[in-house]
Amino acid sequence: MHFDQENNLLSQIIISDEVEKSAEQLTAQLYDKRAVAFYQEDFLVEHVKDVVKESYIAEASMKYIIIASLSFNNVVQNSLLKLLEEPPKNIRFLLIVPSKSILLPTVLSRLPLYRTPSTLKDEIQIPFSFRNLDLKMITDFVKANERLSKRESKAYVEVMFIQASHELQTLNKEQIHSFEQALPLLDLNARPATVFTSLLLNFLPKSVL
């Protein structure tokens, strides 16, 4: 993370696979300092008002305001922009998000970026090869992973894409399209079993279908 000369955290954007957990861990790490965390899956304008109110409470020493969310719409980000540009005295902001792509360029340009080590994707093992995939492998995989959370399911899709691209070198249009559709479907709360099945069927030999 980014620190000043006195080893205090600077205001910054933190990219994390586990936004809520990172907010909790960061609050615990700052136990000897003043830290106030605001976490919402979808950060709304009314939540920004709470952040602003907390930011303007006078502080004699450094206070960290942690703003963590899976989603910030443009109105919310623009409402935060002035606060990030001109923070009150002794206030530093730690903005935790799952991806920098959800942030406006104006927000990204205001704060340094830090990525937490990605542990979830490193732990995922895909138990088959895309070169010799068959129906039983798909059935076994889907059954074993049908209860994954949305975040876990999206991580599996991303790891599968990397593995398929590495093993096959070139993916056809249907295969590429299936990966492009998988993450939006999971964001819409589609069942992991349905998404995985639809995706993996595109990798079966035509003679099997």
Protein backbone atom coordinates (compact mmCIF):
# COMPACT_ATOMS: atom_id res chain seq x y z
CA MET A 1 0.00 0.00 0.00
CA HIS A 2 1.01 3.64 -0.32
CA PHE A 3 2.44 5.34 2.79
CA ASP A 4 3.74 8.81 3.63
CA GLN A 5 7.10 9.53 5.24
CA GLU A 6 5.68 8.96 8.72
CA ASN A 7 4.39 5.53 7.64
CA ASN A 8 0.77 6.62 7.58
CA LEU A 9 -1.45 5.32 4.81
CA LEU A 10 -2.11 7.78 2.01
CA SER A 11 -5.54 8.21 0.51
CA GLN A 12 -5.77 5.56 -2.18
CA ILE A 13 -7.90 3.19 -4.23
CA ILE A 14 -7.59 -0.46 -3.24
CA ILE A 15 -8.58 -3.17 -5.75
CA SER A 16 -9.66 -6.34 -3.97
CA ASP A 17 -11.41 -9.60 -4.87
CA GLU A 18 -13.01 -9.54 -1.42
CA VAL A 19 -14.20 -5.99 -0.85
CA GLU A 20 -16.08 -6.45 2.43
CA LYS A 21 -13.39 -8.67 3.92
CA SER A 22 -10.68 -6.19 2.92
CA ALA A 23 -12.62 -3.38 4.60
CA GLU A 24 -12.87 -5.43 7.80
CA GLN A 25 -9.18 -6.35 7.71
CA LEU A 26 -8.11 -2.77 7.06
CA THR A 27 -10.24 -1.49 9.93
CA ALA A 28 -8.61 -4.08 12.22
CA GLN A 29 -5.12 -3.14 11.00
CA LEU A 30 -5.81 0.49 11.86
CA TYR A 31 -6.91 -0.41 15.40
CA ASP A 32 -4.43 2.06 16.90
CA LYS A 33 -5.73 4.90 14.74
CA ARG A 34 -9.15 6.39 14.06
CA ALA A 35 -10.83 4.44 11.26
CA VAL A 36 -14.47 4.56 10.16
CA ALA A 37 -15.71 2.08 7.54
CA PHE A 38 -18.67 2.46 5.18
CA TYR A 39 -19.56 -0.72 3.29
CA GLN A 40 -22.50 -1.20 0.92
CA GLU A 41 -22.93 -3.63 -1.95
CA ASP A 42 -24.36 -0.73 -3.94
CA PHE A 43 -23.16 2.68 -2.73
CA LEU A 44 -25.92 5.28 -3.05
CA VAL A 45 -26.13 9.06 -2.70
CA GLU A 46 -27.55 8.76 0.83
CA HIS A 47 -24.45 6.79 1.81
CA VAL A 48 -22.26 9.57 0.40
CA LYS A 49 -24.05 12.00 2.75
CA ASP A 50 -22.99 9.84 5.70
CA VAL A 51 -19.40 9.87 4.45
CA VAL A 52 -19.41 13.65 4.05
CA LYS A 53 -20.86 14.12 7.54
CA GLU A 54 -18.16 11.90 9.06
CA SER A 55 -15.43 13.62 7.04
CA TYR A 56 -16.22 17.05 8.48
CA ILE A 57 -16.11 15.98 12.11
CA ALA A 58 -13.01 17.80 13.38
CA GLU A 59 -10.06 15.55 14.20
CA ALA A 60 -6.85 16.40 16.07
CA SER A 61 -5.03 13.43 14.55
CA MET A 62 -5.27 11.38 11.34
CA LYS A 63 -8.59 9.68 10.63
CA TYR A 64 -9.14 7.11 7.90
CA ILE A 65 -12.48 6.81 6.16
CA ILE A 66 -12.90 3.48 4.40
CA ILE A 67 -15.42 3.50 1.55
CA ALA A 68 -16.02 -0.03 0.27
CA SER A 69 -18.53 -1.20 -2.30
CA LEU A 70 -19.11 -3.53 -5.23
CA SER A 71 -20.82 -0.78 -7.19
CA PHE A 72 -20.61 3.03 -7.44
CA ASN A 73 -22.77 4.72 -10.07
CA ASN A 74 -21.56 7.87 -11.80
CA VAL A 75 -23.69 10.20 -9.67
CA VAL A 76 -22.21 8.74 -6.49
CA GLN A 77 -18.67 9.01 -7.81
CA ASN A 78 -19.14 12.62 -8.86
CA SER A 79 -20.57 13.35 -5.40
CA LEU A 80 -17.40 11.94 -3.84
CA LEU A 81 -15.02 13.65 -6.25
CA LYS A 82 -14.74 17.04 -4.51
CA LEU A 83 -14.20 15.31 -1.16
CA LEU A 84 -11.40 13.19 -2.63
CA GLU A 85 -9.82 16.23 -4.31
CA GLU A 86 -9.95 18.47 -1.23
CA PRO A 87 -10.18 16.29 1.89
CA PRO A 88 -10.73 18.01 5.23
CA LYS A 89 -7.74 18.35 7.55
CA ASN A 90 -6.42 15.04 8.95
CA ILE A 91 -8.74 12.96 6.78
CA ARG A 92 -7.59 10.25 4.40
CA PHE A 93 -9.81 8.11 2.21
CA LEU A 94 -9.38 4.43 1.41
CA LEU A 95 -11.67 3.47 -1.46
CA ILE A 96 -12.04 -0.33 -1.86
CA VAL A 97 -13.56 -1.71 -5.08
CA PRO A 98 -13.45 -5.06 -6.94
CA SER A 99 -12.19 -3.56 -10.20
CA LYS A 100 -10.88 -0.21 -11.39
CA SER A 101 -13.19 -0.51 -14.40
CA ILE A 102 -16.18 0.51 -12.25
CA LEU A 103 -14.56 3.86 -11.45
CA LEU A 104 -14.66 7.03 -13.54
CA PRO A 105 -11.36 8.27 -15.00
CA THR A 106 -11.72 11.44 -12.91
CA VAL A 107 -11.76 9.36 -9.71
CA LEU A 108 -8.91 7.11 -10.85
CA SER A 109 -6.77 10.15 -11.61
CA ARG A 110 -7.13 11.56 -8.09
CA LEU A 111 -5.73 8.69 -6.03
CA PRO A 112 -2.90 6.14 -6.28
CA LEU A 113 -3.94 2.56 -7.02
CA TYR A 114 -3.08 -0.53 -4.99
CA ARG A 115 -4.05 -4.12 -5.78
CA THR A 116 -4.33 -6.64 -2.96
CA PRO A 117 -2.80 -10.06 -3.63
CA SER A 118 -5.43 -12.21 -5.35
CA THR A 119 -5.76 -15.37 -3.30
CA LEU A 120 -9.05 -16.78 -4.54
CA LYS A 121 -8.01 -17.26 -8.17
CA ASP A 122 -4.68 -18.73 -7.10
CA GLU A 123 -6.51 -21.43 -5.13
CA ILE A 124 -8.81 -22.52 -7.97
CA GLN A 125 -7.99 -25.77 -9.73
CA ILE A 126 -9.98 -26.75 -12.83
CA PRO A 127 -10.16 -30.59 -12.69
CA PHE A 128 -10.22 -31.24 -16.42
CA SER A 129 -8.53 -30.35 -19.67
CA PHE A 130 -10.45 -28.47 -22.33
CA ARG A 131 -8.72 -30.67 -24.89
CA ASN A 132 -10.51 -33.84 -23.77
CA LEU A 133 -13.66 -32.54 -22.09
CA ASP A 134 -16.65 -34.91 -22.02
CA LEU A 135 -20.21 -34.85 -20.66
CA LYS A 136 -19.33 -36.69 -17.45
CA MET A 137 -16.59 -34.18 -16.64
CA ILE A 138 -19.04 -31.34 -17.15
CA THR A 139 -21.71 -33.03 -15.02
CA ASP A 140 -19.26 -33.77 -12.20
CA PHE A 141 -17.83 -30.25 -12.26
CA VAL A 142 -21.23 -28.55 -12.26
CA LYS A 143 -22.52 -30.75 -9.43
CA ALA A 144 -19.41 -30.07 -7.32
CA ASN A 145 -19.66 -26.30 -7.80
CA GLU A 146 -23.39 -25.56 -7.99
CA ARG A 147 -23.41 -23.83 -4.59
CA LEU A 148 -20.61 -21.35 -5.27
CA SER A 149 -21.21 -17.70 -4.42
CA LYS A 150 -21.44 -15.13 -7.19
CA ARG A 151 -17.90 -13.93 -6.47
CA GLU A 152 -16.52 -17.47 -6.46
CA SER A 153 -18.37 -18.36 -9.67
CA LYS A 154 -16.97 -15.31 -11.46
CA ALA A 155 -13.46 -16.24 -10.34
CA TYR A 156 -13.96 -19.76 -11.73
CA VAL A 157 -15.09 -18.34 -15.08
CA GLU A 158 -12.01 -16.13 -15.26
CA VAL A 159 -9.68 -19.02 -14.41
CA MET A 160 -11.42 -21.26 -16.96
CA PHE A 161 -10.95 -18.62 -19.63
CA ILE A 162 -7.22 -18.43 -18.93
CA GLN A 163 -6.90 -22.24 -18.94
CA ALA A 164 -8.95 -22.71 -22.11
CA SER A 165 -6.99 -20.01 -23.94
CA HIS A 166 -3.69 -21.57 -22.84
CA GLU A 167 -4.66 -25.14 -23.76
CA LEU A 168 -6.44 -24.46 -27.04
CA GLN A 169 -4.52 -21.35 -28.16
CA THR A 170 -7.47 -20.20 -30.28
CA LEU A 171 -11.13 -20.10 -29.22
CA ASN A 172 -13.98 -20.03 -31.74
CA LYS A 173 -16.69 -17.36 -31.77
CA GLU A 174 -19.16 -19.46 -29.78
CA GLN A 175 -16.59 -20.19 -27.07
CA ILE A 176 -15.53 -16.55 -26.80
CA HIS A 177 -19.18 -15.45 -26.68
CA SER A 178 -19.95 -17.95 -23.91
CA PHE A 179 -17.22 -16.42 -21.73
CA GLU A 180 -18.35 -12.88 -22.56
CA GLN A 181 -21.89 -13.73 -21.45
CA ALA A 182 -20.98 -15.69 -18.33
CA LEU A 183 -19.97 -12.80 -16.04
CA PRO A 184 -22.97 -10.56 -16.87
CA LEU A 185 -25.29 -13.53 -16.29
CA LEU A 186 -23.73 -14.19 -12.89
CA ASP A 187 -24.09 -10.49 -12.05
CA LEU A 188 -27.79 -10.93 -12.79
CA ASN A 189 -27.85 -13.81 -10.26
CA ALA A 190 -28.07 -16.62 -12.78
CA ARG A 191 -27.44 -20.02 -11.20
CA PRO A 192 -23.76 -21.06 -11.40
CA ALA A 193 -24.82 -24.53 -12.58
CA THR A 194 -26.68 -23.03 -15.54
CA VAL A 195 -23.83 -20.70 -16.48
CA PHE A 196 -21.13 -23.36 -16.18
CA THR A 197 -23.15 -25.91 -18.18
CA SER A 198 -23.91 -23.48 -20.99
CA LEU A 199 -20.28 -22.36 -21.14
CA LEU A 200 -18.66 -25.80 -21.07
CA LEU A 201 -20.99 -27.40 -23.63
CA ASN A 202 -19.33 -25.13 -26.21
CA PHE A 203 -16.09 -27.06 -25.70
CA LEU A 204 -17.46 -30.53 -26.42
CA PRO A 205 -16.55 -32.11 -29.76
CA LYS A 206 -19.39 -31.70 -32.26
CA SER A 207 -19.67 -35.49 -32.51
CA VAL A 208 -20.74 -35.66 -28.86
CA LEU A 209 -23.57 -33.13 -29.19
